[in-house]
């Protein structure tokens, strides 16, 4: 089994959990973490000896490529710039949802991923939770009416 190297941008609850899931059993290893919170960054570095630590994703992006893929789990409004830049650098990307908060920014991310030819995925962790399934079942049943639009303005 070939081990995948990962960079993590945003070591909050989701980013840390994705990293743990990916690295359990040796399928992947954490090569770098970019996290402004020193406590979170230190925690990830302690759990993953040998990983490089950065205060900001830009510091990581300024270095020669250190990983096969990057997990981007920053705050929603901060997804666009790292996603575009890491695609340009050739990193495969797992991006926490939502892709971006504006449609034109989603398009920028998609364009960068397509242009670079990287594998790009958006993580929808809530899709299969009991709560989400229950809401979908109610919507599908028509009990609250017909859905007219689900698009963003």
N, C-alpha and C. Protein backbone atom coordinates (compact mmCIF):
# COMPACT_ATOMS: atom_id res chain seq x y z
N UNK A 1 0.84 -1.18 0.00
CA UNK A 1 0.00 0.00 0.00
C UNK A 1 0.89 1.25 0.00
N UNK A 2 0.64 2.13 -0.96
CA UNK A 2 1.40 3.36 -1.05
C UNK A 2 0.83 4.38 -0.08
N UNK A 3 1.70 5.03 0.65
CA UNK A 3 1.28 6.03 1.63
C UNK A 3 1.17 7.40 0.96
N UNK A 4 0.08 8.11 1.22
CA UNK A 4 -0.16 9.44 0.69
C UNK A 4 0.32 10.46 1.72
N UNK A 5 1.00 11.48 1.26
CA UNK A 5 1.42 12.55 2.17
C UNK A 5 0.41 13.69 2.08
N UNK A 6 0.10 14.26 3.25
CA UNK A 6 -0.92 15.29 3.35
C UNK A 6 -0.38 16.56 3.99
N UNK A 7 -0.91 17.67 3.54
CA UNK A 7 -0.72 18.95 4.22
C UNK A 7 -2.11 19.34 4.73
N UNK A 8 -2.16 19.90 5.91
CA UNK A 8 -3.42 20.34 6.50
C UNK A 8 -3.40 21.85 6.65
N UNK A 9 -4.43 22.49 6.10
CA UNK A 9 -4.58 23.93 6.23
C UNK A 9 -5.85 24.16 7.05
N UNK A 10 -5.67 24.48 8.32
CA UNK A 10 -6.79 24.66 9.23
C UNK A 10 -6.95 23.45 10.13
N UNK A 11 -6.39 23.54 11.34
CA UNK A 11 -6.38 22.39 12.25
C UNK A 11 -7.46 22.48 13.33
N UNK A 12 -8.62 22.98 12.93
CA UNK A 12 -9.76 22.97 13.86
C UNK A 12 -10.34 21.57 13.94
N UNK A 13 -11.56 21.47 14.42
CA UNK A 13 -12.19 20.16 14.63
C UNK A 13 -12.27 19.33 13.36
N UNK A 14 -12.76 19.92 12.28
CA UNK A 14 -12.92 19.15 11.03
C UNK A 14 -11.57 18.76 10.43
N UNK A 15 -10.67 19.72 10.30
CA UNK A 15 -9.37 19.42 9.71
C UNK A 15 -8.61 18.37 10.50
N UNK A 16 -8.66 18.48 11.81
CA UNK A 16 -7.98 17.50 12.66
C UNK A 16 -8.61 16.12 12.51
N UNK A 17 -9.93 16.08 12.45
CA UNK A 17 -10.62 14.79 12.32
C UNK A 17 -10.32 14.14 10.97
N UNK A 18 -10.34 14.90 9.90
CA UNK A 18 -10.03 14.34 8.58
C UNK A 18 -8.61 13.78 8.57
N UNK A 19 -7.69 14.51 9.19
CA UNK A 19 -6.31 14.06 9.24
C UNK A 19 -6.19 12.76 10.03
N UNK A 20 -6.87 12.69 11.16
CA UNK A 20 -6.83 11.46 11.96
C UNK A 20 -7.39 10.29 11.17
N UNK A 21 -8.51 10.49 10.52
CA UNK A 21 -9.11 9.41 9.72
C UNK A 21 -8.17 8.95 8.61
N UNK A 22 -7.52 9.91 7.96
CA UNK A 22 -6.65 9.57 6.83
C UNK A 22 -5.36 8.89 7.28
N UNK A 23 -4.85 9.26 8.46
CA UNK A 23 -3.55 8.73 8.88
C UNK A 23 -3.65 7.46 9.71
N UNK A 24 -4.83 7.15 10.23
CA UNK A 24 -4.99 5.91 10.99
C UNK A 24 -4.67 4.72 10.10
N UNK A 25 -3.90 3.81 10.62
CA UNK A 25 -3.57 2.61 9.87
C UNK A 25 -2.46 2.80 8.85
N UNK A 26 -1.86 3.99 8.79
CA UNK A 26 -0.72 4.20 7.92
C UNK A 26 -1.02 4.46 6.46
N UNK A 27 -2.29 4.70 6.11
CA UNK A 27 -2.61 4.97 4.71
C UNK A 27 -2.06 6.31 4.24
N UNK A 28 -1.93 7.23 5.20
CA UNK A 28 -1.42 8.56 4.88
C UNK A 28 -0.57 9.04 6.04
N UNK A 29 0.23 10.05 5.77
CA UNK A 29 1.01 10.68 6.83
C UNK A 29 0.89 12.19 6.68
N UNK A 30 0.90 12.87 7.80
CA UNK A 30 0.84 14.32 7.77
C UNK A 30 2.25 14.86 7.57
N UNK A 31 2.44 15.62 6.49
CA UNK A 31 3.74 16.20 6.17
C UNK A 31 3.85 17.63 6.68
N UNK A 32 2.70 18.34 6.76
CA UNK A 32 2.74 19.74 7.17
C UNK A 32 1.37 20.18 7.67
N UNK A 33 1.39 21.14 8.57
CA UNK A 33 0.15 21.75 9.05
C UNK A 33 0.34 23.26 9.07
N UNK A 34 -0.65 23.98 8.52
CA UNK A 34 -0.67 25.44 8.57
C UNK A 34 -1.88 25.85 9.40
N UNK A 35 -1.61 26.43 10.55
CA UNK A 35 -2.68 26.77 11.50
C UNK A 35 -2.22 27.98 12.32
N UNK A 36 -3.00 29.08 12.30
CA UNK A 36 -2.60 30.28 13.04
C UNK A 36 -2.65 30.12 14.57
N UNK A 37 -3.51 29.25 15.07
CA UNK A 37 -3.62 29.04 16.52
C UNK A 37 -2.45 28.18 16.98
N UNK A 38 -1.55 28.73 17.79
CA UNK A 38 -0.35 27.97 18.18
C UNK A 38 -0.68 26.69 18.95
N UNK A 39 -1.74 26.70 19.74
CA UNK A 39 -2.12 25.50 20.51
C UNK A 39 -2.56 24.38 19.58
N UNK A 40 -3.40 24.70 18.62
CA UNK A 40 -3.86 23.68 17.65
C UNK A 40 -2.70 23.17 16.80
N UNK A 41 -1.88 24.10 16.34
CA UNK A 41 -0.74 23.72 15.52
C UNK A 41 0.19 22.79 16.30
N UNK A 42 0.50 23.15 17.54
CA UNK A 42 1.39 22.34 18.38
C UNK A 42 0.78 20.96 18.63
N UNK A 43 -0.53 20.91 18.83
CA UNK A 43 -1.19 19.63 19.05
C UNK A 43 -1.06 18.70 17.85
N UNK A 44 -1.24 19.24 16.66
CA UNK A 44 -1.10 18.41 15.45
C UNK A 44 0.35 17.97 15.26
N UNK A 45 1.28 18.85 15.54
CA UNK A 45 2.69 18.51 15.39
C UNK A 45 3.11 17.45 16.41
N UNK A 46 2.54 17.51 17.60
CA UNK A 46 2.85 16.50 18.61
C UNK A 46 2.30 15.13 18.21
N UNK A 47 1.13 15.12 17.58
CA UNK A 47 0.52 13.86 17.13
C UNK A 47 1.20 13.29 15.89
N UNK A 48 1.88 14.16 15.14
CA UNK A 48 2.48 13.74 13.87
C UNK A 48 3.95 14.18 13.81
N UNK A 49 4.82 13.48 14.55
CA UNK A 49 6.24 13.84 14.56
C UNK A 49 6.81 13.88 13.14
N UNK A 50 7.62 14.87 12.90
CA UNK A 50 8.24 15.03 11.59
C UNK A 50 7.48 15.95 10.66
N UNK A 51 6.24 16.27 11.00
CA UNK A 51 5.47 17.20 10.17
C UNK A 51 6.01 18.62 10.36
N UNK A 52 5.95 19.40 9.31
CA UNK A 52 6.37 20.80 9.36
C UNK A 52 5.20 21.66 9.84
N UNK A 53 5.49 22.71 10.58
CA UNK A 53 4.45 23.60 11.08
C UNK A 53 4.58 25.00 10.54
N UNK A 54 3.43 25.60 10.19
CA UNK A 54 3.40 26.96 9.64
C UNK A 54 2.24 27.71 10.28
N UNK A 55 2.45 29.01 10.51
CA UNK A 55 1.40 29.85 11.07
C UNK A 55 0.33 30.19 10.04
N UNK A 56 0.71 30.20 8.78
CA UNK A 56 -0.20 30.66 7.73
C UNK A 56 -0.03 29.77 6.51
N UNK A 57 -1.10 29.53 5.78
CA UNK A 57 -1.04 28.67 4.60
C UNK A 57 -0.11 29.25 3.53
N UNK A 58 0.03 30.57 3.51
CA UNK A 58 0.90 31.20 2.51
C UNK A 58 2.36 30.79 2.70
N UNK A 59 2.77 30.60 3.96
CA UNK A 59 4.14 30.14 4.25
C UNK A 59 4.35 28.74 3.67
N UNK A 60 3.36 27.89 3.85
CA UNK A 60 3.43 26.53 3.30
C UNK A 60 3.47 26.58 1.77
N UNK A 61 2.61 27.39 1.18
CA UNK A 61 2.53 27.48 -0.28
C UNK A 61 3.80 28.09 -0.89
N UNK A 62 4.55 28.85 -0.12
CA UNK A 62 5.77 29.48 -0.62
C UNK A 62 6.94 28.49 -0.70
N UNK A 63 6.81 27.36 -0.06
CA UNK A 63 7.87 26.34 -0.06
C UNK A 63 7.72 25.39 -1.24
N UNK A 64 8.79 24.69 -1.57
CA UNK A 64 8.62 23.62 -2.56
C UNK A 64 7.58 22.62 -2.02
N UNK A 65 6.88 21.99 -2.92
CA UNK A 65 5.78 21.09 -2.56
C UNK A 65 6.24 20.03 -1.55
N UNK A 66 5.48 19.89 -0.46
CA UNK A 66 5.85 18.98 0.62
C UNK A 66 4.91 17.79 0.76
N UNK A 67 3.83 17.75 -0.02
CA UNK A 67 2.84 16.68 0.13
C UNK A 67 2.15 16.40 -1.20
N UNK A 68 1.51 15.24 -1.25
CA UNK A 68 0.73 14.87 -2.44
C UNK A 68 -0.58 15.64 -2.50
N UNK A 69 -1.18 15.86 -1.33
CA UNK A 69 -2.52 16.45 -1.27
C UNK A 69 -2.61 17.40 -0.09
N UNK A 70 -3.61 18.26 -0.14
CA UNK A 70 -3.86 19.20 0.94
C UNK A 70 -5.32 19.11 1.35
N UNK A 71 -5.54 19.14 2.65
CA UNK A 71 -6.89 19.25 3.22
C UNK A 71 -7.06 20.71 3.60
N UNK A 72 -8.05 21.37 3.04
CA UNK A 72 -8.31 22.78 3.36
C UNK A 72 -9.57 22.84 4.20
N UNK A 73 -9.36 23.18 5.48
CA UNK A 73 -10.46 23.22 6.44
C UNK A 73 -10.42 24.53 7.22
N UNK A 74 -10.22 25.60 6.51
CA UNK A 74 -10.22 26.94 7.11
C UNK A 74 -11.66 27.40 7.29
N UNK A 75 -11.84 28.61 7.77
CA UNK A 75 -13.18 29.19 7.85
C UNK A 75 -13.74 29.31 6.44
N UNK A 76 -15.06 29.20 6.29
CA UNK A 76 -15.71 29.18 4.98
C UNK A 76 -15.26 30.32 4.07
N UNK A 77 -15.20 31.51 4.58
CA UNK A 77 -14.85 32.68 3.76
C UNK A 77 -13.38 32.67 3.35
N UNK A 78 -12.60 31.78 3.94
CA UNK A 78 -11.16 31.73 3.65
C UNK A 78 -10.76 30.52 2.81
N UNK A 79 -11.67 29.93 2.08
CA UNK A 79 -11.37 28.76 1.26
C UNK A 79 -10.75 29.09 -0.10
N UNK A 80 -11.15 30.20 -0.68
CA UNK A 80 -10.85 30.48 -2.08
C UNK A 80 -9.36 30.58 -2.37
N UNK A 81 -8.68 31.47 -1.70
CA UNK A 81 -7.27 31.72 -2.02
C UNK A 81 -6.40 30.48 -1.84
N UNK A 82 -6.50 29.77 -0.70
CA UNK A 82 -5.66 28.57 -0.60
C UNK A 82 -6.05 27.49 -1.61
N UNK A 83 -7.33 27.33 -1.88
CA UNK A 83 -7.74 26.30 -2.85
C UNK A 83 -7.16 26.60 -4.23
N UNK A 84 -7.26 27.83 -4.67
CA UNK A 84 -6.73 28.21 -5.98
C UNK A 84 -5.21 28.04 -6.00
N UNK A 85 -4.54 28.52 -4.96
CA UNK A 85 -3.07 28.46 -4.95
C UNK A 85 -2.55 27.03 -4.88
N UNK A 86 -3.14 26.20 -4.02
CA UNK A 86 -2.65 24.82 -3.92
C UNK A 86 -2.96 24.02 -5.20
N UNK A 87 -4.06 24.35 -5.88
CA UNK A 87 -4.31 23.72 -7.18
C UNK A 87 -3.22 24.12 -8.16
N UNK A 88 -2.88 25.40 -8.19
CA UNK A 88 -1.82 25.88 -9.07
C UNK A 88 -0.49 25.18 -8.79
N UNK A 89 -0.27 24.83 -7.53
CA UNK A 89 0.97 24.17 -7.12
C UNK A 89 0.95 22.66 -7.36
N UNK A 90 -0.19 22.14 -7.81
CA UNK A 90 -0.28 20.72 -8.13
C UNK A 90 -0.68 19.81 -6.99
N UNK A 91 -1.15 20.36 -5.89
CA UNK A 91 -1.64 19.54 -4.79
C UNK A 91 -3.03 19.03 -5.12
N UNK A 92 -3.31 17.76 -4.86
CA UNK A 92 -4.68 17.26 -4.90
C UNK A 92 -5.37 17.88 -3.68
N UNK A 93 -6.69 18.12 -3.78
CA UNK A 93 -7.35 18.93 -2.76
C UNK A 93 -8.62 18.25 -2.23
N UNK A 94 -8.71 18.22 -0.89
CA UNK A 94 -9.97 17.91 -0.20
C UNK A 94 -10.37 19.21 0.48
N UNK A 95 -11.47 19.79 0.03
CA UNK A 95 -11.92 21.10 0.52
C UNK A 95 -13.17 20.92 1.37
N UNK A 96 -13.13 21.43 2.57
CA UNK A 96 -14.30 21.41 3.45
C UNK A 96 -15.40 22.26 2.81
N UNK A 97 -16.64 21.83 2.96
CA UNK A 97 -17.76 22.58 2.42
C UNK A 97 -18.02 23.81 3.27
N UNK A 98 -18.63 24.84 2.75
CA UNK A 98 -18.89 25.05 1.35
C UNK A 98 -17.61 25.41 0.61
N UNK A 99 -17.63 25.22 -0.70
CA UNK A 99 -16.44 25.57 -1.48
C UNK A 99 -16.05 27.02 -1.22
N UNK A 100 -17.03 27.90 -1.28
CA UNK A 100 -16.82 29.34 -1.09
C UNK A 100 -18.18 29.94 -0.73
N UNK A 101 -18.17 31.19 -0.38
CA UNK A 101 -19.43 31.84 -0.01
C UNK A 101 -20.05 32.63 -1.17
N UNK A 102 -19.33 32.74 -2.28
CA UNK A 102 -19.87 33.41 -3.47
C UNK A 102 -19.71 32.49 -4.68
N UNK A 103 -20.70 32.50 -5.53
CA UNK A 103 -20.70 31.63 -6.71
C UNK A 103 -19.47 31.87 -7.59
N UNK A 104 -19.10 33.12 -7.80
CA UNK A 104 -17.95 33.40 -8.66
C UNK A 104 -16.65 32.83 -8.07
N UNK A 105 -16.58 32.76 -6.75
CA UNK A 105 -15.40 32.17 -6.12
C UNK A 105 -15.39 30.64 -6.29
N UNK A 106 -16.56 30.03 -6.25
CA UNK A 106 -16.66 28.58 -6.55
C UNK A 106 -16.14 28.32 -7.95
N UNK A 107 -16.52 29.17 -8.87
CA UNK A 107 -16.07 29.02 -10.25
C UNK A 107 -14.55 29.17 -10.37
N UNK A 108 -13.98 30.10 -9.61
CA UNK A 108 -12.51 30.27 -9.62
C UNK A 108 -11.80 29.01 -9.14
N UNK A 109 -12.34 28.40 -8.10
CA UNK A 109 -11.73 27.18 -7.56
C UNK A 109 -11.82 26.06 -8.59
N UNK A 110 -12.99 25.88 -9.17
CA UNK A 110 -13.18 24.82 -10.17
C UNK A 110 -12.24 25.03 -11.35
N UNK A 111 -12.16 26.26 -11.83
CA UNK A 111 -11.28 26.56 -12.96
C UNK A 111 -9.82 26.23 -12.63
N UNK A 112 -9.37 26.59 -11.43
CA UNK A 112 -7.98 26.32 -11.04
C UNK A 112 -7.74 24.81 -10.96
N UNK A 113 -8.69 24.07 -10.40
CA UNK A 113 -8.52 22.61 -10.29
C UNK A 113 -8.51 21.96 -11.66
N UNK A 114 -9.41 22.39 -12.54
CA UNK A 114 -9.45 21.82 -13.89
C UNK A 114 -8.18 22.15 -14.67
N UNK A 115 -7.74 23.38 -14.57
CA UNK A 115 -6.55 23.81 -15.31
C UNK A 115 -5.30 23.03 -14.86
N UNK A 116 -5.21 22.75 -13.57
CA UNK A 116 -4.02 22.06 -13.05
C UNK A 116 -4.13 20.54 -13.18
N UNK A 117 -5.35 20.03 -13.36
CA UNK A 117 -5.54 18.59 -13.49
C UNK A 117 -5.45 17.82 -12.19
N UNK A 118 -5.60 18.50 -11.06
CA UNK A 118 -5.53 17.81 -9.76
C UNK A 118 -6.87 17.14 -9.45
N UNK A 119 -6.81 16.18 -8.55
CA UNK A 119 -8.04 15.58 -8.02
C UNK A 119 -8.59 16.58 -7.02
N UNK A 120 -9.87 16.92 -7.16
CA UNK A 120 -10.49 17.93 -6.31
C UNK A 120 -11.80 17.36 -5.77
N UNK A 121 -11.98 17.41 -4.45
CA UNK A 121 -13.21 16.93 -3.83
C UNK A 121 -13.66 17.89 -2.75
N UNK A 122 -14.97 18.02 -2.61
CA UNK A 122 -15.55 18.83 -1.55
C UNK A 122 -16.15 17.87 -0.53
N UNK A 123 -15.83 18.09 0.72
CA UNK A 123 -16.27 17.21 1.79
C UNK A 123 -17.63 17.66 2.33
N UNK A 124 -18.61 16.78 2.24
CA UNK A 124 -19.96 17.06 2.74
C UNK A 124 -20.24 16.12 3.90
N UNK A 125 -19.66 16.41 5.05
CA UNK A 125 -19.70 15.48 6.17
C UNK A 125 -21.10 15.31 6.78
N UNK A 126 -21.96 16.26 6.62
CA UNK A 126 -23.28 16.19 7.25
C UNK A 126 -24.31 15.47 6.38
N UNK A 127 -23.96 15.16 5.17
CA UNK A 127 -24.91 14.59 4.21
C UNK A 127 -25.60 13.32 4.72
N UNK A 128 -24.90 12.48 5.44
CA UNK A 128 -25.45 11.18 5.84
C UNK A 128 -25.79 11.09 7.32
N UNK A 129 -25.85 12.21 8.01
CA UNK A 129 -26.23 12.17 9.42
C UNK A 129 -27.73 11.92 9.53
N UNK A 130 -28.18 11.35 10.66
CA UNK A 130 -29.62 11.11 10.84
C UNK A 130 -30.46 12.38 10.67
N UNK A 131 -29.96 13.50 11.18
CA UNK A 131 -30.69 14.76 11.06
C UNK A 131 -30.90 15.15 9.60
N UNK A 132 -29.82 15.12 8.82
CA UNK A 132 -29.90 15.50 7.41
C UNK A 132 -30.80 14.56 6.63
N UNK A 133 -30.71 13.27 6.91
CA UNK A 133 -31.58 12.31 6.24
C UNK A 133 -33.04 12.56 6.57
N UNK A 134 -33.32 12.92 7.83
CA UNK A 134 -34.70 13.20 8.24
C UNK A 134 -35.24 14.44 7.52
N UNK A 135 -34.43 15.49 7.43
CA UNK A 135 -34.86 16.70 6.73
C UNK A 135 -35.12 16.39 5.26
N UNK A 136 -34.22 15.64 4.64
CA UNK A 136 -34.41 15.28 3.23
C UNK A 136 -35.67 14.47 3.04
N UNK A 137 -35.97 13.55 3.94
CA UNK A 137 -37.19 12.74 3.83
C UNK A 137 -38.44 13.61 3.90
N UNK A 138 -38.42 14.60 4.80
CA UNK A 138 -39.56 15.52 4.90
C UNK A 138 -39.70 16.32 3.61
N UNK A 139 -38.60 16.84 3.09
CA UNK A 139 -38.65 17.61 1.85
C UNK A 139 -39.13 16.75 0.68
N UNK A 140 -38.60 15.53 0.59
CA UNK A 140 -38.99 14.63 -0.50
C UNK A 140 -40.46 14.23 -0.43
N UNK A 141 -41.03 14.21 0.78
CA UNK A 141 -42.42 13.77 0.96
C UNK A 141 -43.42 14.80 0.46
N UNK A 142 -42.99 16.06 0.35
CA UNK A 142 -43.90 17.12 -0.08
C UNK A 142 -44.77 17.67 1.04
N UNK A 143 -44.56 17.23 2.27
CA UNK A 143 -45.40 17.67 3.40
C UNK A 143 -45.34 19.17 3.65
N UNK A 144 -44.24 19.80 3.30
CA UNK A 144 -44.15 21.24 3.55
C UNK A 144 -44.23 22.05 2.26
N UNK A 145 -44.60 21.39 1.18
CA UNK A 145 -44.76 22.08 -0.08
C UNK A 145 -43.72 21.70 -1.10
N UNK A 146 -43.82 22.36 -2.23
CA UNK A 146 -42.92 22.07 -3.35
C UNK A 146 -41.67 22.94 -3.25
N UNK A 147 -40.52 22.35 -3.46
CA UNK A 147 -39.28 23.12 -3.49
C UNK A 147 -39.21 23.82 -4.85
N UNK A 148 -39.09 25.11 -4.80
CA UNK A 148 -39.08 25.90 -6.03
C UNK A 148 -37.64 26.16 -6.48
N UNK A 149 -36.75 26.42 -5.53
CA UNK A 149 -35.37 26.71 -5.90
C UNK A 149 -34.46 26.37 -4.75
N UNK A 150 -33.28 25.87 -5.07
CA UNK A 150 -32.27 25.63 -4.07
C UNK A 150 -30.99 26.36 -4.41
N UNK A 151 -31.06 27.24 -5.37
CA UNK A 151 -29.87 27.96 -5.83
C UNK A 151 -29.60 29.17 -4.97
N UNK A 152 -28.36 29.57 -4.95
CA UNK A 152 -27.97 30.79 -4.24
C UNK A 152 -28.34 32.00 -5.09
N UNK A 153 -28.64 33.13 -4.45
CA UNK A 153 -28.95 34.34 -5.23
C UNK A 153 -27.77 34.83 -6.02
